[in-house]
Amino acid sequence: MEIGQRNDYISPHWKRDPSFIEGPDSAGSFSIPVRALNIAWGRDHRYWRWITLGEDENRSVGFEEAVLLDQVNWFEVTGMLDIPCLNLAVHTTYRLYYVVKFLPGAFGWHTADVKFMVKFKNTQEIMSTELIILETYKKQPDQWHEIPGGKPFVVNNEVLITTVEFGMFEVETDWWKGGMVLGGVKVKPDNPPATELQ
């Protein structure tokens, strides 16, 4: 590269902007829109498309925007909560839910285990993972779901959690996957979860 030459490289991956995180609402929940998530290949329109949700869907899921997965081989969506910056209730258990729907033509999910990861950081790192086949959700196309995303975490004064990293991945197989719409992630106090949105 010559001296003074510009580097116009733009990453094909979407990098999160935590300023988009909202909450708590009246129920004590937080909303993490897609712009507050890291999405592998999220800036490449061959794989992901950014879409605006209609008024009814916006009311139903609580997000104005979503990303539509057309096709991808390396499926990776991650995020992070900076706990001291959020007004989380002490001595409360929280769970993560991915707000997702599948289109009628969704493909590639029947044999691909999706890994849901949660990592807590304080004086040490504690990571948990869970594998889920999303085919059950895919069989209910055009229906929004709240899919539990890994181990819950507790905010208290005895064990100070500084950050919570989370993500969902399918990077182990050669399967191409598509037809998923991701609205965002919800962080909810631990009440009996509603896995299907009306």
Protein backbone atom coordinates (compact mmCIF):
# COMPACT_ATOMS: atom_id res chain seq x y z
CA MET A 1 0.00 0.00 0.00
CA GLU A 2 1.37 3.40 -0.98
CA ILE A 3 1.86 6.07 1.65
CA GLY A 4 -1.33 8.08 2.02
CA GLN A 5 -3.50 5.47 0.26
CA ARG A 6 -6.89 4.99 1.91
CA ASN A 7 -7.94 1.65 3.31
CA ASP A 8 -11.57 1.29 2.23
CA TYR A 9 -12.04 -2.18 3.69
CA ILE A 10 -15.41 -2.59 5.40
CA SER A 11 -15.95 -5.63 7.59
CA PRO A 12 -18.74 -7.95 6.40
CA HIS A 13 -19.70 -8.56 10.04
CA TRP A 14 -22.09 -6.43 12.06
CA LYS A 15 -20.57 -5.09 15.28
CA ARG A 16 -22.89 -4.41 18.19
CA ASP A 17 -23.82 -0.96 19.43
CA PRO A 18 -24.77 -1.35 23.13
CA SER A 19 -26.45 2.09 23.19
CA PHE A 20 -29.51 0.45 21.59
CA ILE A 21 -30.23 -1.71 24.70
CA GLU A 22 -33.49 -0.61 26.33
CA GLY A 23 -34.98 -1.13 29.79
CA PRO A 24 -36.01 -1.93 32.32
CA ASP A 25 -39.68 -1.79 31.37
CA SER A 26 -42.58 -2.02 33.83
CA ALA A 27 -42.03 -5.80 34.12
CA GLY A 28 -38.31 -5.39 34.84
CA SER A 29 -37.28 -6.73 31.41
CA PHE A 30 -34.60 -5.47 29.04
CA SER A 31 -34.69 -5.47 25.22
CA ILE A 32 -31.59 -6.04 23.11
CA PRO A 33 -32.37 -5.04 19.49
CA VAL A 34 -30.44 -6.60 16.62
CA ARG A 35 -28.26 -3.48 16.31
CA ALA A 36 -26.95 -4.23 19.81
CA LEU A 37 -25.78 -7.72 18.73
CA ASN A 38 -22.73 -9.00 16.87
CA ILE A 39 -23.84 -10.84 13.71
CA ALA A 40 -21.32 -12.78 11.62
CA TRP A 41 -21.79 -11.72 7.97
CA GLY A 42 -24.47 -9.28 9.16
CA ARG A 43 -23.32 -6.52 6.79
CA ASP A 44 -23.27 -8.79 3.73
CA HIS A 45 -26.66 -8.71 1.99
CA ARG A 46 -26.01 -12.05 0.35
CA TYR A 47 -26.58 -13.61 3.76
CA TRP A 48 -28.54 -11.26 6.04
CA ARG A 49 -31.09 -8.53 5.26
CA TRP A 50 -32.18 -5.80 7.64
CA ILE A 51 -35.95 -5.33 7.66
CA THR A 52 -38.43 -3.00 9.35
CA LEU A 53 -41.23 -4.73 11.23
CA GLY A 54 -44.81 -3.66 10.70
CA GLU A 55 -46.84 -1.98 13.41
CA ASP A 56 -48.58 -5.20 14.52
CA GLU A 57 -45.32 -7.15 14.78
CA ASN A 58 -43.63 -4.24 16.51
CA ARG A 59 -46.37 -4.27 19.15
CA SER A 60 -46.20 -8.07 19.46
CA VAL A 61 -42.45 -8.56 19.84
CA GLY A 62 -41.34 -5.14 21.07
CA PHE A 63 -38.81 -4.52 18.30
CA GLU A 64 -39.01 -2.12 15.35
CA GLU A 65 -36.33 -3.83 13.28
CA ALA A 66 -35.17 -7.38 12.57
CA VAL A 67 -32.64 -9.27 10.48
CA LEU A 68 -33.69 -11.90 7.95
CA LEU A 69 -31.26 -14.75 7.36
CA ASP A 70 -31.39 -15.62 3.67
CA GLN A 71 -28.61 -18.21 3.83
CA VAL A 72 -25.42 -18.78 5.75
CA ASN A 73 -23.05 -21.58 6.59
CA TRP A 74 -21.35 -20.00 9.62
CA PHE A 75 -24.21 -18.98 11.93
CA GLU A 76 -23.08 -16.82 14.85
CA VAL A 77 -24.92 -14.14 16.82
CA THR A 78 -23.43 -12.84 20.08
CA GLY A 79 -23.86 -10.04 22.58
CA MET A 80 -22.81 -8.75 25.96
CA LEU A 81 -24.43 -7.13 28.99
CA ASP A 82 -22.35 -4.72 31.04
CA ILE A 83 -24.08 -5.39 34.37
CA PRO A 84 -22.92 -2.28 36.32
CA CYS A 85 -24.38 -0.07 33.57
CA LEU A 86 -27.85 -1.68 33.76
CA ASN A 87 -30.48 -1.19 36.43
CA LEU A 88 -30.94 -4.88 37.24
CA ALA A 89 -32.86 -5.89 40.36
CA VAL A 90 -30.71 -7.37 43.14
CA HIS A 91 -31.41 -10.98 44.22
CA THR A 92 -33.29 -11.60 40.99
CA THR A 93 -32.76 -14.40 38.50
CA TYR A 94 -32.75 -13.37 34.84
CA ARG A 95 -33.07 -15.44 31.67
CA LEU A 96 -32.25 -14.68 28.05
CA TYR A 97 -34.80 -15.28 25.28
CA TYR A 98 -34.10 -15.04 21.57
CA VAL A 99 -37.08 -13.58 19.69
CA VAL A 100 -37.23 -15.57 16.47
CA LYS A 101 -39.59 -16.70 13.74
CA PHE A 102 -39.11 -18.97 10.74
CA LEU A 103 -40.46 -18.39 7.26
CA PRO A 104 -42.39 -21.19 5.47
CA GLY A 105 -39.37 -21.93 3.27
CA ALA A 106 -36.82 -22.11 6.11
CA PHE A 107 -34.17 -24.77 5.55
CA GLY A 108 -31.13 -26.44 7.08
CA TRP A 109 -32.25 -26.54 10.72
CA HIS A 110 -33.43 -30.15 10.97
CA THR A 111 -30.02 -31.71 11.61
CA ALA A 112 -28.09 -28.70 12.90
CA ASP A 113 -27.85 -28.39 16.68
CA VAL A 114 -27.76 -24.71 17.61
CA LYS A 115 -25.50 -23.98 20.57
CA PHE A 116 -26.70 -21.40 23.09
CA MET A 117 -23.91 -20.01 25.25
CA VAL A 118 -23.91 -17.87 28.39
CA LYS A 119 -20.67 -16.75 30.05
CA PHE A 120 -20.55 -14.90 33.38
CA LYS A 121 -17.53 -12.88 34.43
CA ASN A 122 -16.62 -11.78 37.94
CA THR A 123 -13.43 -12.92 39.64
CA GLN A 124 -13.54 -15.94 37.33
CA GLU A 125 -15.30 -17.02 34.17
CA ILE A 126 -18.24 -19.42 34.26
CA MET A 127 -19.56 -20.62 30.93
CA SER A 128 -22.55 -22.84 30.16
CA THR A 129 -23.72 -24.17 26.81
CA GLU A 130 -26.88 -25.89 25.64
CA LEU A 131 -27.69 -27.55 22.31
CA ILE A 132 -31.19 -27.13 20.86
CA ILE A 133 -32.68 -28.40 17.61
CA LEU A 134 -34.84 -25.56 16.29
CA GLU A 135 -36.91 -27.77 14.01
CA THR A 136 -39.86 -27.69 16.44
CA TYR A 137 -40.04 -23.92 16.12
CA LYS A 138 -39.54 -24.11 12.35
CA LYS A 139 -42.66 -26.29 12.09
CA GLN A 140 -44.68 -23.25 13.22
CA PRO A 141 -43.84 -20.81 10.41
CA ASP A 142 -44.57 -17.10 10.64
CA GLN A 143 -45.06 -17.42 14.41
CA TRP A 144 -42.81 -15.45 16.74
CA HIS A 145 -41.18 -17.48 19.52
CA GLU A 146 -39.14 -16.66 22.58
CA ILE A 147 -36.44 -19.35 22.65
CA PRO A 148 -34.65 -19.72 26.03
CA GLY A 149 -30.96 -19.05 25.53
CA GLY A 150 -28.90 -20.87 28.10
CA LYS A 151 -28.36 -20.80 31.83
CA PRO A 152 -30.03 -18.06 33.92
CA PHE A 153 -27.97 -15.66 35.99
CA VAL A 154 -28.55 -14.04 39.38
CA VAL A 155 -27.67 -10.49 40.37
CA ASN A 156 -26.73 -10.23 44.05
CA ASN A 157 -24.29 -8.53 46.38
CA GLU A 158 -22.32 -11.66 47.29
CA VAL A 159 -21.12 -12.65 43.80
CA LEU A 160 -20.70 -9.55 41.67
CA ILE A 161 -21.18 -10.39 37.99
CA THR A 162 -19.55 -7.70 35.89
CA THR A 163 -20.49 -8.91 32.39
CA VAL A 164 -22.72 -11.52 30.81
CA GLU A 165 -21.68 -12.68 27.35
CA PHE A 166 -24.16 -14.73 25.33
CA GLY A 167 -24.64 -16.14 21.87
CA MET A 168 -26.15 -18.72 19.56
CA PHE A 169 -24.00 -20.63 17.09
CA GLU A 170 -24.10 -23.33 14.45
CA VAL A 171 -20.59 -23.60 13.06
CA GLU A 172 -19.92 -27.32 13.34
CA THR A 173 -21.70 -28.62 10.23
CA ASP A 174 -21.47 -27.84 6.51
CA TRP A 175 -25.23 -27.26 6.29
CA TRP A 176 -26.47 -24.02 4.81
CA LYS A 177 -29.25 -22.53 6.89
CA GLY A 178 -31.83 -19.87 6.05
CA GLY A 179 -35.33 -18.54 6.49
CA MET A 180 -34.94 -17.30 10.07
CA VAL A 181 -35.97 -13.82 11.24
CA LEU A 182 -34.29 -12.55 14.41
CA GLY A 183 -36.02 -9.68 16.21
CA GLY A 184 -33.60 -9.40 19.11
CA VAL A 185 -33.02 -10.76 22.61
CA LYS A 186 -35.08 -10.22 25.76
CA VAL A 187 -33.65 -10.34 29.29
CA LYS A 188 -36.46 -11.18 31.71
CA PRO A 189 -36.83 -11.73 35.44
CA ASP A 190 -37.38 -15.41 36.10
CA ASN A 191 -41.15 -15.88 35.80
CA PRO A 192 -42.91 -18.76 34.05
CA PRO A 193 -41.81 -18.09 30.43
CA ALA A 194 -44.20 -17.70 27.53
CA THR A 195 -42.49 -19.45 24.65
CA GLU A 196 -44.93 -18.26 22.02
CA LEU A 197 -45.98 -14.70 21.35
CA GLN A 198 -49.52 -13.80 20.42
